[in-house]
Amino acid sequence: MENAGVGWIAAIIIGGIAGWLAEMFMKSNMGVIANILLGIVGAIIANAILGLFGITLPGWLGYLVAGFIGACILIALGRAIRR
């Protein structure tokens, strides 16, 4: 099963990078596993939201961008819930 034209191993690697970039951008402090999960789940969420507007981000670069956007959203939501 592939997501956005990206295999699972690539999704883990790209998700980790996207999560790490979001962590740096949002000045958050999380571990490697959390970064990977944030990046992958963030990409799924961002692709779903962008899909509602008819926007598709194909390939690994699109997955990275969507993962970054989604991870930033998840970090912001997590902060809002904790407050």
C-alpha atoms as a PDB file:
ATOM      1  CA  MET A   1       0.000   0.000   0.000  1.00  0.00           C
ATOM      2  CA  GLU A   2       1.443   3.339  -0.992  1.00  0.00           C
ATOM      3  CA  ASN A   3       0.521   6.818   0.121  1.00  0.00           C
ATOM      4  CA  ALA A   4       0.775   9.715  -2.353  1.00  0.00           C
ATOM      5  CA  GLY A   5       3.058   7.661  -4.595  1.00  0.00           C
ATOM      6  CA  VAL A   6       5.534   7.124  -1.758  1.00  0.00           C
ATOM      7  CA  GLY A   7       6.384   3.660  -0.385  1.00  0.00           C
ATOM      8  CA  TRP A   8       6.266   2.896   3.314  1.00  0.00           C
ATOM      9  CA  ILE A   9      10.037   3.038   3.864  1.00  0.00           C
ATOM     10  CA  ALA A  10      10.236   6.354   2.038  1.00  0.00           C
ATOM     11  CA  ALA A  11       7.180   7.555   3.998  1.00  0.00           C
ATOM     12  CA  ILE A  12       8.981   6.821   7.267  1.00  0.00           C
ATOM     13  CA  ILE A  13      12.130   8.638   6.145  1.00  0.00           C
ATOM     14  CA  ILE A  14      10.288  11.606   4.619  1.00  0.00           C
ATOM     15  CA  GLY A  15       7.880  11.688   7.578  1.00  0.00           C
ATOM     16  CA  GLY A  16      10.838  11.864   9.945  1.00  0.00           C
ATOM     17  CA  ILE A  17      12.350  14.737   8.000  1.00  0.00           C
ATOM     18  CA  ALA A  18       9.008  16.564   7.819  1.00  0.00           C
ATOM     19  CA  GLY A  19       8.433  16.052  11.549  1.00  0.00           C
ATOM     20  CA  TRP A  20      11.956  17.236  12.356  1.00  0.00           C
ATOM     21  CA  LEU A  21      11.522  20.349  10.188  1.00  0.00           C
ATOM     22  CA  ALA A  22       8.196  21.083  11.885  1.00  0.00           C
ATOM     23  CA  GLU A  23       9.827  20.559  15.282  1.00  0.00           C
ATOM     24  CA  MET A  24      12.528  23.112  14.412  1.00  0.00           C
ATOM     25  CA  PHE A  25      10.022  25.573  12.904  1.00  0.00           C
ATOM     26  CA  MET A  26       7.588  25.329  15.837  1.00  0.00           C
ATOM     27  CA  LYS A  27      10.426  25.277  18.401  1.00  0.00           C
ATOM     28  CA  SER A  28       9.144  22.046  19.884  1.00  0.00           C
ATOM     29  CA  ASN A  29      11.202  19.361  21.616  1.00  0.00           C
ATOM     30  CA  MET A  30      10.267  15.826  20.591  1.00  0.00           C
ATOM     31  CA  GLY A  31      12.075  12.603  19.870  1.00  0.00           C
ATOM     32  CA  VAL A  32      12.803  10.822  16.610  1.00  0.00           C
ATOM     33  CA  ILE A  33       9.780   8.500  16.861  1.00  0.00           C
ATOM     34  CA  ALA A  34       7.448  11.426  17.571  1.00  0.00           C
ATOM     35  CA  ASN A  35       8.912  13.297  14.576  1.00  0.00           C
ATOM     36  CA  ILE A  36       8.285  10.333  12.277  1.00  0.00           C
ATOM     37  CA  LEU A  37       4.733   9.910  13.542  1.00  0.00           C
ATOM     38  CA  LEU A  38       4.015  13.635  13.288  1.00  0.00           C
ATOM     39  CA  GLY A  39       5.361  13.734   9.752  1.00  0.00           C
ATOM     40  CA  ILE A  40       3.408  10.690   8.540  1.00  0.00           C
ATOM     41  CA  VAL A  41       0.137  11.528  10.291  1.00  0.00           C
ATOM     42  CA  GLY A  42       0.603  15.172   9.378  1.00  0.00           C
ATOM     43  CA  ALA A  43       1.008  14.270   5.710  1.00  0.00           C
ATOM     44  CA  ILE A  44      -2.172  12.196   5.782  1.00  0.00           C
ATOM     45  CA  ILE A  45      -4.131  14.994   7.464  1.00  0.00           C
ATOM     46  CA  ALA A  46      -2.712  17.767   5.263  1.00  0.00           C
ATOM     47  CA  ASN A  47      -3.337  15.741   2.080  1.00  0.00           C
ATOM     48  CA  ALA A  48      -6.944  15.184   3.186  1.00  0.00           C
ATOM     49  CA  ILE A  49      -7.465  18.883   3.940  1.00  0.00           C
ATOM     50  CA  LEU A  50      -5.800  19.992   0.708  1.00  0.00           C
ATOM     51  CA  GLY A  51      -7.844  17.396  -1.188  1.00  0.00           C
ATOM     52  CA  LEU A  52     -11.017  19.117  -0.015  1.00  0.00           C
ATOM     53  CA  PHE A  53      -9.843  22.184  -1.928  1.00  0.00           C
ATOM     54  CA  GLY A  54      -8.816  20.157  -4.980  1.00  0.00           C
ATOM     55  CA  ILE A  55      -5.091  20.555  -4.311  1.00  0.00           C
ATOM     56  CA  THR A  56      -2.828  17.523  -4.739  1.00  0.00           C
ATOM     57  CA  LEU A  57       0.857  17.354  -3.905  1.00  0.00           C
ATOM     58  CA  PRO A  58       2.308  14.369  -5.800  1.00  0.00           C
ATOM     59  CA  GLY A  59       5.520  12.479  -5.120  1.00  0.00           C
ATOM     60  CA  TRP A  60       8.014  12.643  -2.314  1.00  0.00           C
ATOM     61  CA  LEU A  61       8.353  16.438  -2.354  1.00  0.00           C
ATOM     62  CA  GLY A  62       4.590  16.822  -2.037  1.00  0.00           C
ATOM     63  CA  TYR A  63       4.617  14.281   0.795  1.00  0.00           C
ATOM     64  CA  LEU A  64       7.371  16.274   2.538  1.00  0.00           C
ATOM     65  CA  VAL A  65       5.486  19.573   2.176  1.00  0.00           C
ATOM     66  CA  ALA A  66       2.199  18.024   3.319  1.00  0.00           C
ATOM     67  CA  GLY A  67       3.973  16.297   6.219  1.00  0.00           C
ATOM     68  CA  PHE A  68       5.542  19.558   7.329  1.00  0.00           C
ATOM     69  CA  ILE A  69       2.249  21.449   7.144  1.00  0.00           C
ATOM     70  CA  GLY A  70       0.335  18.682   8.895  1.00  0.00           C
ATOM     71  CA  ALA A  71       2.970  18.236  11.606  1.00  0.00           C
ATOM     72  CA  CYS A  72       2.914  21.979  12.331  1.00  0.00           C
ATOM     73  CA  ILE A  73      -0.876  21.796  12.626  1.00  0.00           C
ATOM     74  CA  LEU A  74      -0.627  18.812  14.991  1.00  0.00           C
ATOM     75  CA  ILE A  75       1.989  20.536  17.168  1.00  0.00           C
ATOM     76  CA  ALA A  76      -0.197  23.672  17.364  1.00  0.00           C
ATOM     77  CA  LEU A  77      -3.261  21.570  18.256  1.00  0.00           C
ATOM     78  CA  GLY A  78      -1.298  19.725  20.918  1.00  0.00           C
ATOM     79  CA  ARG A  79      -0.189  23.004  22.453  1.00  0.00           C
ATOM     80  CA  ALA A  80      -3.749  24.379  22.393  1.00  0.00           C
ATOM     81  CA  ILE A  81      -5.129  21.261  24.117  1.00  0.00           C
ATOM     82  CA  ARG A  82      -2.450  21.319  26.822  1.00  0.00           C
ATOM     83  CA  ARG A  83      -3.245  24.922  27.743  1.00  0.00           C
END
